[in-house]
N, C-alpha and C. Protein backbone atom coordinates (compact mmCIF):
# COMPACT_ATOMS: atom_id res chain seq x y z
N MET A 1 20.44 13.83 45.31
CA MET A 1 21.51 12.85 45.35
C MET A 1 22.53 13.29 46.38
N GLY A 2 22.92 12.42 47.33
CA GLY A 2 23.89 12.78 48.35
C GLY A 2 24.94 11.69 48.50
N PHE A 3 26.17 12.08 48.84
CA PHE A 3 27.26 11.13 49.03
C PHE A 3 27.91 11.40 50.38
N SER A 4 28.53 10.36 50.89
CA SER A 4 29.17 10.50 52.20
C SER A 4 30.42 11.36 52.08
N GLN A 5 30.89 11.81 53.25
CA GLN A 5 32.11 12.63 53.27
C GLN A 5 33.29 11.84 52.73
N ASN A 6 33.40 10.57 53.13
CA ASN A 6 34.52 9.76 52.68
C ASN A 6 34.51 9.62 51.16
N ALA A 7 33.32 9.39 50.59
CA ALA A 7 33.22 9.24 49.14
C ALA A 7 33.58 10.53 48.42
N SER A 8 33.13 11.66 48.97
CA SER A 8 33.43 12.95 48.34
C SER A 8 34.92 13.24 48.39
N GLU A 9 35.58 12.95 49.55
CA GLU A 9 37.02 13.18 49.67
C GLU A 9 37.79 12.30 48.69
N LYS A 10 37.37 11.04 48.57
CA LYS A 10 38.03 10.15 47.63
C LYS A 10 37.91 10.67 46.20
N ALA A 11 36.72 11.10 45.84
CA ALA A 11 36.49 11.58 44.48
C ALA A 11 37.37 12.77 44.17
N LEU A 12 37.49 13.71 45.13
CA LEU A 12 38.33 14.90 44.93
C LEU A 12 39.80 14.53 44.85
N PHE A 13 40.21 13.59 45.69
CA PHE A 13 41.63 13.19 45.71
C PHE A 13 41.99 12.45 44.43
N MET A 14 41.16 11.53 44.02
CA MET A 14 41.46 10.69 42.87
C MET A 14 41.42 11.46 41.55
N THR A 15 40.83 12.63 41.56
CA THR A 15 40.75 13.42 40.31
C THR A 15 41.58 14.69 40.36
N MET A 16 42.51 14.76 41.34
CA MET A 16 43.34 15.97 41.46
C MET A 16 44.16 16.21 40.19
N SER A 17 44.64 15.13 39.57
CA SER A 17 45.47 15.29 38.38
C SER A 17 44.70 15.84 37.20
N GLN A 18 43.38 15.78 37.27
CA GLN A 18 42.53 16.26 36.19
C GLN A 18 41.96 17.65 36.48
N GLY A 19 42.55 18.33 37.46
CA GLY A 19 42.11 19.68 37.77
C GLY A 19 41.14 19.76 38.93
N GLN A 20 40.79 18.63 39.48
CA GLN A 20 39.90 18.57 40.65
C GLN A 20 38.58 19.34 40.39
N SER A 21 37.99 19.09 39.20
CA SER A 21 36.71 19.73 38.88
C SER A 21 35.57 18.87 39.37
N ILE A 22 34.41 19.49 39.54
CA ILE A 22 33.26 18.75 40.04
C ILE A 22 32.79 17.71 39.03
N GLU A 23 33.00 18.00 37.72
CA GLU A 23 32.57 17.04 36.70
C GLU A 23 33.37 15.75 36.78
N THR A 24 34.70 15.89 36.89
CA THR A 24 35.54 14.68 36.95
C THR A 24 35.29 13.93 38.25
N ALA A 25 35.05 14.67 39.36
CA ALA A 25 34.77 14.02 40.64
C ALA A 25 33.45 13.24 40.56
N MET A 26 32.43 13.84 39.96
CA MET A 26 31.15 13.17 39.82
C MET A 26 31.27 11.95 38.90
N ALA A 27 32.10 12.07 37.86
CA ALA A 27 32.31 10.93 36.96
C ALA A 27 32.97 9.78 37.71
N TRP A 28 33.95 10.12 38.56
CA TRP A 28 34.64 9.07 39.35
C TRP A 28 33.64 8.39 40.30
N ILE A 29 32.78 9.18 40.93
CA ILE A 29 31.78 8.62 41.85
C ILE A 29 30.84 7.67 41.09
N THR A 30 30.42 8.10 39.90
CA THR A 30 29.51 7.26 39.11
C THR A 30 30.15 5.93 38.74
N GLU A 31 31.46 5.97 38.42
CA GLU A 31 32.16 4.76 38.01
C GLU A 31 32.50 3.84 39.17
N ASN A 32 32.62 4.41 40.37
CA ASN A 32 33.13 3.61 41.49
C ASN A 32 32.16 3.43 42.65
N GLN A 33 30.90 3.90 42.53
CA GLN A 33 30.00 3.85 43.66
C GLN A 33 29.57 2.43 44.05
N GLU A 34 29.82 1.46 43.15
CA GLU A 34 29.50 0.07 43.48
C GLU A 34 30.67 -0.65 44.14
N ALA A 35 31.82 0.01 44.25
CA ALA A 35 33.00 -0.62 44.86
C ALA A 35 32.76 -0.90 46.34
N PRO A 36 33.28 -2.03 46.88
CA PRO A 36 33.04 -2.39 48.29
C PRO A 36 33.54 -1.34 49.28
N ASP A 37 34.64 -0.67 48.95
CA ASP A 37 35.22 0.31 49.89
C ASP A 37 34.85 1.75 49.51
N PHE A 38 33.75 1.91 48.79
CA PHE A 38 33.39 3.23 48.28
C PHE A 38 33.23 4.25 49.41
N ASN A 39 32.60 3.86 50.51
CA ASN A 39 32.33 4.79 51.60
C ASN A 39 33.33 4.69 52.76
N GLU A 40 34.40 3.91 52.54
CA GLU A 40 35.42 3.81 53.60
C GLU A 40 36.35 5.02 53.57
N GLN A 41 36.99 5.30 54.71
CA GLN A 41 37.87 6.46 54.81
C GLN A 41 39.08 6.29 53.90
N LEU A 42 39.50 7.38 53.28
CA LEU A 42 40.66 7.37 52.40
C LEU A 42 41.95 7.40 53.21
N PHE A 43 42.87 6.46 52.92
CA PHE A 43 44.19 6.43 53.54
C PHE A 43 45.25 6.57 52.46
N ILE A 44 46.34 7.30 52.81
CA ILE A 44 47.47 7.48 51.91
C ILE A 44 48.58 6.54 52.35
N VAL A 45 49.05 5.71 51.45
CA VAL A 45 50.12 4.76 51.79
C VAL A 45 51.45 5.49 51.76
N GLY A 46 52.21 5.38 52.84
CA GLY A 46 53.52 6.03 52.92
C GLY A 46 54.49 5.15 53.68
N LYS A 47 55.72 5.60 53.91
CA LYS A 47 56.74 4.83 54.62
C LYS A 47 57.25 5.62 55.81
N GLU A 48 57.46 4.95 56.88
CA GLU A 48 58.05 5.58 58.07
C GLU A 48 58.95 4.53 58.68
N GLY A 49 60.24 4.74 58.60
CA GLY A 49 61.19 3.73 59.05
C GLY A 49 61.24 2.62 58.01
N GLU A 50 61.11 1.38 58.45
CA GLU A 50 61.18 0.25 57.55
C GLU A 50 59.82 -0.38 57.31
N GLY A 51 58.78 0.06 57.91
CA GLY A 51 57.47 -0.57 57.74
C GLY A 51 56.50 0.34 57.00
N ASP A 52 55.64 -0.30 56.22
CA ASP A 52 54.59 0.46 55.52
C ASP A 52 53.53 0.91 56.51
N ILE A 53 53.06 2.14 56.34
CA ILE A 53 51.99 2.64 57.21
C ILE A 53 50.93 3.30 56.34
N LYS A 54 49.73 3.43 56.88
CA LYS A 54 48.62 4.14 56.22
C LYS A 54 48.18 5.26 57.13
N LYS A 55 47.98 6.43 56.57
CA LYS A 55 47.49 7.56 57.36
C LYS A 55 46.33 8.22 56.63
N PRO A 56 45.38 8.74 57.40
CA PRO A 56 44.23 9.37 56.75
C PRO A 56 44.65 10.53 55.86
N TYR A 57 43.94 10.67 54.73
CA TYR A 57 44.20 11.79 53.82
C TYR A 57 43.73 13.07 54.46
N GLN A 58 44.67 14.05 54.51
CA GLN A 58 44.34 15.33 55.13
C GLN A 58 44.24 16.45 54.10
N GLY A 59 45.04 16.40 53.04
CA GLY A 59 45.03 17.47 52.06
C GLY A 59 45.54 18.77 52.64
N ASN A 60 45.28 19.86 51.95
CA ASN A 60 45.72 21.18 52.41
C ASN A 60 44.61 21.94 53.12
N MET A 61 43.44 21.29 53.29
CA MET A 61 42.31 21.95 53.92
C MET A 61 41.88 21.17 55.14
N SER A 62 41.17 21.88 55.98
CA SER A 62 40.63 21.21 57.16
C SER A 62 39.45 20.33 56.75
N LYS A 63 39.02 19.48 57.64
CA LYS A 63 37.91 18.58 57.37
C LYS A 63 36.65 19.37 57.02
N GLU A 64 36.39 20.44 57.77
CA GLU A 64 35.19 21.24 57.54
C GLU A 64 35.26 21.94 56.18
N GLU A 65 36.49 22.41 55.81
CA GLU A 65 36.64 23.08 54.52
C GLU A 65 36.43 22.12 53.35
N ARG A 66 36.96 20.90 53.53
CA ARG A 66 36.78 19.91 52.47
C ARG A 66 35.30 19.56 52.29
N ILE A 67 34.59 19.40 53.40
CA ILE A 67 33.17 19.08 53.33
C ILE A 67 32.40 20.21 52.66
N LYS A 68 32.73 21.45 53.07
CA LYS A 68 32.05 22.62 52.52
C LYS A 68 32.30 22.74 51.02
N MET A 69 33.59 22.53 50.62
CA MET A 69 33.92 22.63 49.20
C MET A 69 33.19 21.55 48.39
N ALA A 70 33.14 20.32 48.94
CA ALA A 70 32.46 19.24 48.24
C ALA A 70 30.98 19.54 48.09
N GLU A 71 30.35 20.06 49.15
CA GLU A 71 28.93 20.39 49.09
C GLU A 71 28.65 21.49 48.08
N GLU A 72 29.55 22.51 48.05
CA GLU A 72 29.37 23.60 47.10
C GLU A 72 29.50 23.12 45.65
N LYS A 73 30.48 22.24 45.44
CA LYS A 73 30.68 21.72 44.08
C LYS A 73 29.51 20.83 43.66
N ILE A 74 29.03 20.03 44.61
CA ILE A 74 27.87 19.18 44.29
C ILE A 74 26.64 20.04 44.00
N LYS A 75 26.45 21.10 44.79
CA LYS A 75 25.33 22.01 44.57
C LYS A 75 25.44 22.69 43.20
N ALA A 76 26.69 23.13 42.89
CA ALA A 76 26.90 23.78 41.59
C ALA A 76 26.63 22.81 40.45
N ALA A 77 27.04 21.54 40.67
CA ALA A 77 26.80 20.53 39.64
C ALA A 77 25.32 20.29 39.44
N ARG A 78 24.56 20.28 40.54
CA ARG A 78 23.11 20.09 40.44
C ARG A 78 22.46 21.23 39.68
N ILE A 79 22.89 22.47 39.98
CA ILE A 79 22.35 23.64 39.28
C ILE A 79 22.67 23.57 37.80
N ARG A 80 23.96 23.20 37.51
CA ARG A 80 24.37 23.11 36.11
C ARG A 80 23.58 22.02 35.38
N ARG A 81 23.38 20.90 36.06
CA ARG A 81 22.64 19.81 35.44
C ARG A 81 21.18 20.21 35.20
N ALA A 82 20.61 20.95 36.16
CA ALA A 82 19.23 21.41 36.00
C ALA A 82 19.11 22.35 34.80
N GLU A 83 20.11 23.23 34.65
CA GLU A 83 20.10 24.16 33.52
C GLU A 83 20.25 23.41 32.20
N GLU A 84 21.14 22.40 32.21
CA GLU A 84 21.32 21.60 31.00
C GLU A 84 20.05 20.84 30.63
N GLU A 85 19.39 20.29 31.65
CA GLU A 85 18.13 19.57 31.40
C GLU A 85 17.07 20.51 30.85
N LYS A 86 17.07 21.76 31.37
CA LYS A 86 16.11 22.75 30.88
C LYS A 86 16.36 23.07 29.41
N VAL A 87 17.66 23.25 29.08
CA VAL A 87 18.03 23.53 27.70
C VAL A 87 17.68 22.35 26.80
N ASN A 88 17.99 21.15 27.29
CA ASN A 88 17.69 19.95 26.50
C ASN A 88 16.19 19.79 26.28
N ALA A 89 15.41 20.08 27.33
CA ALA A 89 13.96 19.98 27.21
C ALA A 89 13.44 20.99 26.18
N PHE A 90 14.01 22.20 26.20
CA PHE A 90 13.61 23.22 25.23
C PHE A 90 13.95 22.78 23.81
N GLU A 91 15.15 22.22 23.62
CA GLU A 91 15.56 21.75 22.31
C GLU A 91 14.67 20.61 21.83
N MET A 92 14.34 19.70 22.75
CA MET A 92 13.48 18.58 22.40
C MET A 92 12.10 19.06 21.96
N GLU A 93 11.55 20.04 22.68
CA GLU A 93 10.25 20.59 22.33
C GLU A 93 10.30 21.31 20.99
N LYS A 94 11.41 22.05 20.76
CA LYS A 94 11.57 22.75 19.49
C LYS A 94 11.66 21.75 18.33
N ASN A 95 12.41 20.67 18.56
CA ASN A 95 12.53 19.64 17.52
C ASN A 95 11.20 18.93 17.28
N ARG A 96 10.44 18.73 18.38
CA ARG A 96 9.14 18.07 18.25
C ARG A 96 8.19 18.92 17.40
N ILE A 97 8.17 20.23 17.68
CA ILE A 97 7.32 21.15 16.93
C ILE A 97 7.73 21.19 15.45
N ALA A 98 9.08 21.23 15.22
CA ALA A 98 9.57 21.26 13.85
C ALA A 98 9.21 19.98 13.12
N SER A 99 9.33 18.84 13.82
CA SER A 99 8.98 17.56 13.22
C SER A 99 7.50 17.49 12.91
N GLN A 100 6.67 18.01 13.83
CA GLN A 100 5.22 18.00 13.61
C GLN A 100 4.85 18.87 12.41
N LYS A 101 5.51 20.04 12.30
CA LYS A 101 5.25 20.91 11.16
C LYS A 101 5.66 20.22 9.85
N ALA A 102 6.81 19.54 9.89
CA ALA A 102 7.29 18.85 8.69
C ALA A 102 6.32 17.74 8.29
N GLN A 103 5.81 17.01 9.28
CA GLN A 103 4.85 15.94 9.00
C GLN A 103 3.55 16.51 8.43
N THR A 104 3.09 17.63 9.01
CA THR A 104 1.87 18.26 8.51
C THR A 104 2.04 18.73 7.07
N GLU A 105 3.21 19.31 6.77
CA GLU A 105 3.48 19.80 5.42
C GLU A 105 3.57 18.63 4.44
N ALA A 106 4.22 17.55 4.88
CA ALA A 106 4.34 16.37 4.02
C ALA A 106 2.96 15.76 3.75
N ARG A 107 2.11 15.73 4.80
CA ARG A 107 0.77 15.19 4.64
C ARG A 107 -0.06 16.07 3.69
N ARG A 108 0.12 17.40 3.81
CA ARG A 108 -0.61 18.31 2.93
C ARG A 108 -0.20 18.12 1.47
N LYS A 109 1.10 17.98 1.23
CA LYS A 109 1.58 17.77 -0.14
C LYS A 109 1.08 16.45 -0.70
N LEU A 110 1.07 15.42 0.17
CA LEU A 110 0.58 14.11 -0.27
C LEU A 110 -0.89 14.18 -0.65
N GLU A 111 -1.68 14.89 0.18
CA GLU A 111 -3.11 15.03 -0.12
C GLU A 111 -3.32 15.80 -1.43
N GLU A 112 -2.48 16.83 -1.66
CA GLU A 112 -2.59 17.59 -2.91
C GLU A 112 -2.25 16.71 -4.11
N GLN A 113 -1.22 15.88 -3.95
CA GLN A 113 -0.84 14.98 -5.03
C GLN A 113 -1.94 13.97 -5.32
N GLU A 114 -2.52 13.41 -4.24
CA GLU A 114 -3.60 12.44 -4.42
C GLU A 114 -4.81 13.09 -5.09
N MET A 115 -5.11 14.35 -4.69
CA MET A 115 -6.24 15.07 -5.29
C MET A 115 -5.97 15.34 -6.78
N GLU A 116 -4.74 15.70 -7.08
CA GLU A 116 -4.38 15.97 -8.47
C GLU A 116 -4.49 14.69 -9.31
N ILE A 117 -4.03 13.58 -8.74
CA ILE A 117 -4.13 12.29 -9.44
C ILE A 117 -5.60 11.91 -9.67
N ALA A 118 -6.42 12.12 -8.62
CA ALA A 118 -7.85 11.79 -8.73
C ALA A 118 -8.52 12.65 -9.81
N MET A 119 -8.18 13.96 -9.83
CA MET A 119 -8.76 14.85 -10.83
C MET A 119 -8.34 14.43 -12.23
N HIS A 120 -7.06 14.06 -12.37
CA HIS A 120 -6.57 13.62 -13.67
C HIS A 120 -7.29 12.34 -14.11
N GLN A 121 -7.52 11.43 -13.14
CA GLN A 121 -8.20 10.19 -13.45
C GLN A 121 -9.65 10.45 -13.88
N ARG A 122 -10.32 11.37 -13.15
CA ARG A 122 -11.70 11.70 -13.51
C ARG A 122 -11.77 12.33 -14.91
N LYS A 123 -10.79 13.20 -15.19
CA LYS A 123 -10.74 13.84 -16.51
C LYS A 123 -10.54 12.79 -17.60
N LYS A 124 -9.65 11.84 -17.32
CA LYS A 124 -9.39 10.77 -18.30
C LYS A 124 -10.63 9.92 -18.52
N GLU A 125 -11.30 9.57 -17.42
CA GLU A 125 -12.53 8.76 -17.53
C GLU A 125 -13.60 9.50 -18.31
N LYS A 126 -13.71 10.82 -18.06
CA LYS A 126 -14.71 11.61 -18.78
C LYS A 126 -14.40 11.65 -20.27
N GLU A 127 -13.12 11.82 -20.60
CA GLU A 127 -12.72 11.84 -22.00
C GLU A 127 -13.01 10.50 -22.67
N GLU A 128 -12.71 9.41 -21.95
CA GLU A 128 -13.00 8.08 -22.50
C GLU A 128 -14.50 7.89 -22.70
N PHE A 129 -15.27 8.37 -21.73
CA PHE A 129 -16.73 8.24 -21.84
C PHE A 129 -17.26 9.04 -23.04
N MET A 130 -16.75 10.27 -23.17
CA MET A 130 -17.22 11.12 -24.27
C MET A 130 -16.82 10.52 -25.62
N SER A 131 -15.62 9.92 -25.67
CA SER A 131 -15.19 9.28 -26.91
C SER A 131 -16.08 8.09 -27.26
N ALA A 132 -16.39 7.28 -26.23
CA ALA A 132 -17.28 6.13 -26.46
C ALA A 132 -18.67 6.60 -26.85
N LYS A 133 -19.13 7.68 -26.21
CA LYS A 133 -20.45 8.22 -26.54
C LYS A 133 -20.48 8.71 -27.98
N ARG A 134 -19.40 9.39 -28.40
CA ARG A 134 -19.34 9.92 -29.75
C ARG A 134 -19.38 8.78 -30.79
N GLN A 135 -18.63 7.71 -30.49
CA GLN A 135 -18.63 6.57 -31.41
C GLN A 135 -20.01 5.92 -31.48
N MET A 136 -20.68 5.86 -30.33
CA MET A 136 -22.02 5.28 -30.29
C MET A 136 -22.99 6.14 -31.09
N GLN A 137 -22.87 7.47 -30.95
CA GLN A 137 -23.76 8.37 -31.68
C GLN A 137 -23.54 8.27 -33.19
N ILE A 138 -22.26 8.12 -33.58
CA ILE A 138 -21.97 7.97 -35.01
C ILE A 138 -22.56 6.67 -35.55
N GLN A 139 -22.45 5.62 -34.73
CA GLN A 139 -22.99 4.34 -35.17
C GLN A 139 -24.51 4.39 -35.30
N LEU A 140 -25.14 5.07 -34.34
CA LEU A 140 -26.60 5.21 -34.41
C LEU A 140 -27.01 5.98 -35.67
N GLU A 141 -26.23 7.01 -36.01
CA GLU A 141 -26.52 7.79 -37.21
C GLU A 141 -26.31 6.96 -38.46
N ARG A 142 -25.27 6.12 -38.44
CA ARG A 142 -25.02 5.22 -39.58
C ARG A 142 -26.17 4.24 -39.73
N ASP A 143 -26.64 3.68 -38.59
CA ASP A 143 -27.77 2.75 -38.64
C ASP A 143 -29.03 3.44 -39.18
N ARG A 144 -29.22 4.69 -38.75
CA ARG A 144 -30.41 5.42 -39.19
C ARG A 144 -30.39 5.62 -40.70
N CYS A 145 -29.21 6.00 -41.21
CA CYS A 145 -29.09 6.22 -42.65
C CYS A 145 -29.32 4.94 -43.44
N GLU A 146 -28.82 3.82 -42.89
CA GLU A 146 -29.03 2.54 -43.58
C GLU A 146 -30.50 2.16 -43.61
N ARG A 147 -31.22 2.43 -42.50
CA ARG A 147 -32.64 2.09 -42.47
C ARG A 147 -33.45 2.94 -43.44
N LEU A 148 -33.04 4.22 -43.53
CA LEU A 148 -33.77 5.14 -44.39
C LEU A 148 -33.28 5.08 -45.83
N GLY A 149 -32.19 4.35 -46.05
CA GLY A 149 -31.66 4.22 -47.40
C GLY A 149 -31.02 5.47 -47.93
N ILE A 150 -30.41 6.25 -47.06
CA ILE A 150 -29.75 7.48 -47.50
C ILE A 150 -28.25 7.37 -47.23
N PRO A 151 -27.40 8.10 -48.00
CA PRO A 151 -25.95 8.01 -47.82
C PRO A 151 -25.53 8.51 -46.42
N PHE A 152 -24.49 7.86 -45.88
CA PHE A 152 -23.98 8.27 -44.57
C PHE A 152 -22.75 9.13 -44.74
N ASP A 153 -22.80 10.34 -44.20
CA ASP A 153 -21.67 11.28 -44.24
C ASP A 153 -21.16 11.45 -42.80
N GLU A 154 -20.00 10.88 -42.52
CA GLU A 154 -19.49 10.90 -41.13
C GLU A 154 -19.19 12.33 -40.67
N THR A 155 -18.61 13.16 -41.54
CA THR A 155 -18.30 14.54 -41.15
C THR A 155 -19.57 15.29 -40.77
N LYS A 156 -20.59 15.12 -41.60
CA LYS A 156 -21.88 15.78 -41.32
C LYS A 156 -22.50 15.22 -40.05
N ALA A 157 -22.33 13.91 -39.86
CA ALA A 157 -22.88 13.28 -38.66
C ALA A 157 -22.22 13.83 -37.40
N ILE A 158 -20.91 14.02 -37.46
CA ILE A 158 -20.19 14.57 -36.30
C ILE A 158 -20.63 15.98 -36.00
N ASP A 159 -20.83 16.79 -37.06
CA ASP A 159 -21.30 18.17 -36.86
C ASP A 159 -22.67 18.18 -36.19
N ASN A 160 -23.56 17.28 -36.65
CA ASN A 160 -24.90 17.20 -36.04
C ASN A 160 -24.83 16.76 -34.58
N ILE A 161 -23.91 15.84 -34.30
CA ILE A 161 -23.74 15.36 -32.93
C ILE A 161 -23.26 16.50 -32.02
N LYS A 162 -22.33 17.30 -32.52
CA LYS A 162 -21.83 18.44 -31.73
C LYS A 162 -22.95 19.43 -31.43
N LYS A 163 -23.82 19.63 -32.42
CA LYS A 163 -24.95 20.54 -32.21
C LYS A 163 -25.91 19.98 -31.16
N LYS A 164 -26.10 18.67 -31.21
CA LYS A 164 -26.98 18.03 -30.23
C LYS A 164 -26.39 18.13 -28.83
N ASP A 165 -25.06 17.95 -28.73
CA ASP A 165 -24.40 18.01 -27.41
C ASP A 165 -24.51 19.39 -26.79
N ALA A 166 -24.71 20.41 -27.65
CA ALA A 166 -24.82 21.78 -27.14
C ALA A 166 -26.20 22.07 -26.58
N ARG A 167 -27.16 21.16 -26.79
CA ARG A 167 -28.51 21.37 -26.29
C ARG A 167 -28.56 21.21 -24.77
N PRO A 168 -29.49 21.89 -24.07
CA PRO A 168 -29.67 21.71 -22.62
C PRO A 168 -30.04 20.26 -22.33
N PRO A 169 -29.73 19.75 -21.14
CA PRO A 169 -30.00 18.34 -20.79
C PRO A 169 -31.45 17.93 -21.01
N LEU A 170 -32.42 18.79 -20.62
CA LEU A 170 -33.83 18.43 -20.78
C LEU A 170 -34.19 18.29 -22.25
N GLU A 171 -33.69 19.21 -23.06
CA GLU A 171 -33.94 19.15 -24.50
C GLU A 171 -33.31 17.90 -25.10
N GLU A 172 -32.14 17.53 -24.57
CA GLU A 172 -31.45 16.34 -25.06
C GLU A 172 -32.27 15.09 -24.76
N ILE A 173 -32.86 15.06 -23.55
CA ILE A 173 -33.69 13.90 -23.18
C ILE A 173 -34.92 13.80 -24.08
N LYS A 174 -35.57 14.94 -24.28
CA LYS A 174 -36.76 14.95 -25.15
C LYS A 174 -36.40 14.51 -26.57
N HIS A 175 -35.26 15.00 -27.05
CA HIS A 175 -34.84 14.65 -28.40
C HIS A 175 -34.52 13.16 -28.49
N GLY A 176 -33.89 12.62 -27.42
CA GLY A 176 -33.57 11.20 -27.42
C GLY A 176 -34.81 10.33 -27.45
N ILE A 177 -35.81 10.70 -26.66
CA ILE A 177 -37.07 9.93 -26.64
C ILE A 177 -37.75 9.97 -28.01
N LYS A 178 -37.75 11.15 -28.59
CA LYS A 178 -38.37 11.31 -29.92
C LYS A 178 -37.63 10.48 -30.97
N THR A 179 -36.30 10.48 -30.88
CA THR A 179 -35.49 9.73 -31.85
C THR A 179 -35.76 8.24 -31.75
N VAL A 180 -35.81 7.73 -30.51
CA VAL A 180 -36.06 6.29 -30.30
C VAL A 180 -37.43 5.91 -30.86
N LYS A 181 -38.42 6.73 -30.58
CA LYS A 181 -39.78 6.43 -31.07
C LYS A 181 -39.85 6.46 -32.59
N THR A 182 -39.06 7.38 -33.17
CA THR A 182 -39.08 7.52 -34.63
C THR A 182 -38.36 6.36 -35.31
N LEU A 183 -37.19 5.98 -34.77
CA LEU A 183 -36.38 4.94 -35.41
C LEU A 183 -36.90 3.54 -35.15
N TYR A 184 -37.42 3.32 -33.94
CA TYR A 184 -37.82 1.96 -33.56
C TYR A 184 -39.33 1.91 -33.30
N THR A 185 -40.09 2.06 -34.38
CA THR A 185 -41.56 2.00 -34.26
C THR A 185 -41.98 0.55 -34.06
N GLU A 186 -43.17 0.36 -33.55
CA GLU A 186 -43.69 -0.99 -33.32
C GLU A 186 -43.87 -1.75 -34.63
N GLU A 187 -44.12 -1.02 -35.71
CA GLU A 187 -44.30 -1.67 -36.99
C GLU A 187 -42.97 -2.24 -37.51
N ARG A 188 -41.88 -1.42 -37.36
CA ARG A 188 -40.59 -1.86 -37.89
C ARG A 188 -39.92 -2.89 -36.97
N GLN A 189 -39.78 -2.51 -35.69
CA GLN A 189 -39.10 -3.39 -34.74
C GLN A 189 -39.92 -3.44 -33.44
N PRO A 190 -40.83 -4.35 -33.38
CA PRO A 190 -41.73 -4.42 -32.22
C PRO A 190 -40.96 -4.65 -30.90
N GLY A 191 -41.34 -3.90 -29.90
CA GLY A 191 -40.79 -4.09 -28.56
C GLY A 191 -39.44 -3.45 -28.30
N VAL A 192 -38.74 -2.97 -29.33
CA VAL A 192 -37.39 -2.41 -29.15
C VAL A 192 -37.44 -1.10 -28.34
N ALA A 193 -38.33 -0.18 -28.77
CA ALA A 193 -38.44 1.10 -28.06
C ALA A 193 -38.89 0.89 -26.61
N LYS A 194 -39.83 -0.03 -26.44
CA LYS A 194 -40.33 -0.31 -25.09
C LYS A 194 -39.21 -0.85 -24.19
N SER A 195 -38.39 -1.75 -24.76
CA SER A 195 -37.26 -2.30 -24.00
C SER A 195 -36.24 -1.22 -23.66
N CYS A 196 -36.04 -0.30 -24.61
CA CYS A 196 -35.09 0.81 -24.40
C CYS A 196 -35.54 1.69 -23.23
N PHE A 197 -36.81 2.08 -23.26
CA PHE A 197 -37.31 2.96 -22.20
C PHE A 197 -37.34 2.25 -20.85
N LYS A 198 -37.60 0.95 -20.86
CA LYS A 198 -37.61 0.19 -19.62
C LYS A 198 -36.21 0.13 -19.02
N THR A 199 -35.20 -0.08 -19.87
CA THR A 199 -33.80 -0.12 -19.40
C THR A 199 -33.38 1.23 -18.83
N ILE A 200 -33.73 2.31 -19.54
CA ILE A 200 -33.40 3.66 -19.06
C ILE A 200 -34.07 3.93 -17.73
N SER A 201 -35.32 3.47 -17.58
CA SER A 201 -36.05 3.66 -16.33
C SER A 201 -35.35 2.98 -15.17
N VAL A 202 -34.80 1.78 -15.43
CA VAL A 202 -34.06 1.06 -14.37
C VAL A 202 -32.81 1.84 -13.98
N TYR A 203 -32.07 2.33 -15.00
CA TYR A 203 -30.84 3.10 -14.72
C TYR A 203 -31.14 4.34 -13.87
N THR A 204 -32.09 5.14 -14.32
CA THR A 204 -32.40 6.39 -13.61
C THR A 204 -33.00 6.11 -12.23
N GLY A 205 -33.78 5.03 -12.12
CA GLY A 205 -34.35 4.68 -10.81
C GLY A 205 -33.27 4.30 -9.82
N ASN A 206 -32.26 3.55 -10.28
CA ASN A 206 -31.15 3.18 -9.39
C ASN A 206 -30.40 4.41 -8.88
N VAL A 207 -30.18 5.37 -9.77
CA VAL A 207 -29.48 6.60 -9.37
C VAL A 207 -30.31 7.40 -8.37
N ALA A 208 -31.61 7.48 -8.61
CA ALA A 208 -32.50 8.24 -7.72
C ALA A 208 -32.56 7.60 -6.33
N LYS A 209 -32.55 6.26 -6.28
CA LYS A 209 -32.63 5.57 -4.99
C LYS A 209 -31.29 5.52 -4.27
N ASN A 210 -30.20 5.54 -5.03
CA ASN A 210 -28.86 5.43 -4.43
C ASN A 210 -27.95 6.53 -4.97
N PRO A 211 -28.23 7.78 -4.63
CA PRO A 211 -27.46 8.90 -5.22
C PRO A 211 -25.99 8.93 -4.84
N SER A 212 -25.62 8.28 -3.71
CA SER A 212 -24.23 8.32 -3.27
C SER A 212 -23.44 7.07 -3.66
N ASP A 213 -24.09 6.14 -4.32
CA ASP A 213 -23.42 4.89 -4.71
C ASP A 213 -22.82 5.06 -6.10
N ASP A 214 -21.48 4.98 -6.17
CA ASP A 214 -20.78 5.24 -7.43
C ASP A 214 -21.10 4.21 -8.52
N LYS A 215 -21.45 2.99 -8.11
CA LYS A 215 -21.64 1.96 -9.13
C LYS A 215 -22.87 2.24 -10.02
N PHE A 216 -23.77 3.12 -9.55
CA PHE A 216 -24.95 3.47 -10.34
C PHE A 216 -24.75 4.75 -11.16
N LYS A 217 -23.53 5.34 -11.05
CA LYS A 217 -23.27 6.60 -11.74
C LYS A 217 -22.61 6.39 -13.10
N SER A 218 -22.39 5.15 -13.48
CA SER A 218 -21.80 4.86 -14.78
C SER A 218 -22.52 3.67 -15.40
N ILE A 219 -22.37 3.51 -16.71
CA ILE A 219 -23.05 2.43 -17.44
C ILE A 219 -21.99 1.55 -18.09
N ASN A 220 -22.12 0.27 -17.90
CA ASN A 220 -21.24 -0.69 -18.55
C ASN A 220 -21.67 -0.85 -20.01
N LEU A 221 -20.85 -0.34 -20.92
CA LEU A 221 -21.24 -0.37 -22.33
C LEU A 221 -21.30 -1.78 -22.90
N ALA A 222 -20.65 -2.74 -22.20
CA ALA A 222 -20.66 -4.12 -22.67
C ALA A 222 -21.88 -4.90 -22.15
N ASN A 223 -22.68 -4.23 -21.31
CA ASN A 223 -23.86 -4.91 -20.75
C ASN A 223 -24.87 -5.22 -21.87
N GLU A 224 -25.37 -6.46 -21.91
CA GLU A 224 -26.29 -6.86 -22.96
C GLU A 224 -27.58 -6.04 -22.96
N ALA A 225 -28.06 -5.73 -21.75
CA ALA A 225 -29.29 -4.94 -21.65
C ALA A 225 -29.09 -3.57 -22.27
N PHE A 226 -27.89 -2.95 -22.04
CA PHE A 226 -27.64 -1.63 -22.62
C PHE A 226 -27.55 -1.72 -24.13
């Protein structure tokens, strides 16, 4: 950025009352650089005799000294501005890094909260499933007792169910198949056991074919087929 000698002299003269600093001179130039007479020579209005006269501003320095001083101040201002820009750039980068860290931390906390909520939801669903399963097992035991004509003891039934739940999965499957065959023989209820095994086959087949599809990982207890 460069300014004419006339503009520099004007800026220094017009800001003398403010200490004639380079900052105030540069501020004056910024505010007045669009003025029509910005680059015209500075004249001081004075009186000589009875008529008004204008004479060029001379100051206490020679023309060369004024030019040199203006150039030095402008150079110093450029250096100072460059240093300020460097400091500002450093602060901006520091703030950017701090903001990025804050965003990363906030995102991490949000993900932890979402994971905790998901885990709680899964736990709740599992508890609801186990409760529904327990009620279904009790009902099956009640039905069995009614068919066999023996008294139903709910406490004893719950104890037996707990023992069954402690069995390994394969043993549980074998026991379930045996129970269905025993309770729903072709003589007593024709086709019931066959329908049961066919339904189970459909469920397990869907899971085997679509292991990543969540809709096949649960059973709708209200489904008529179930």
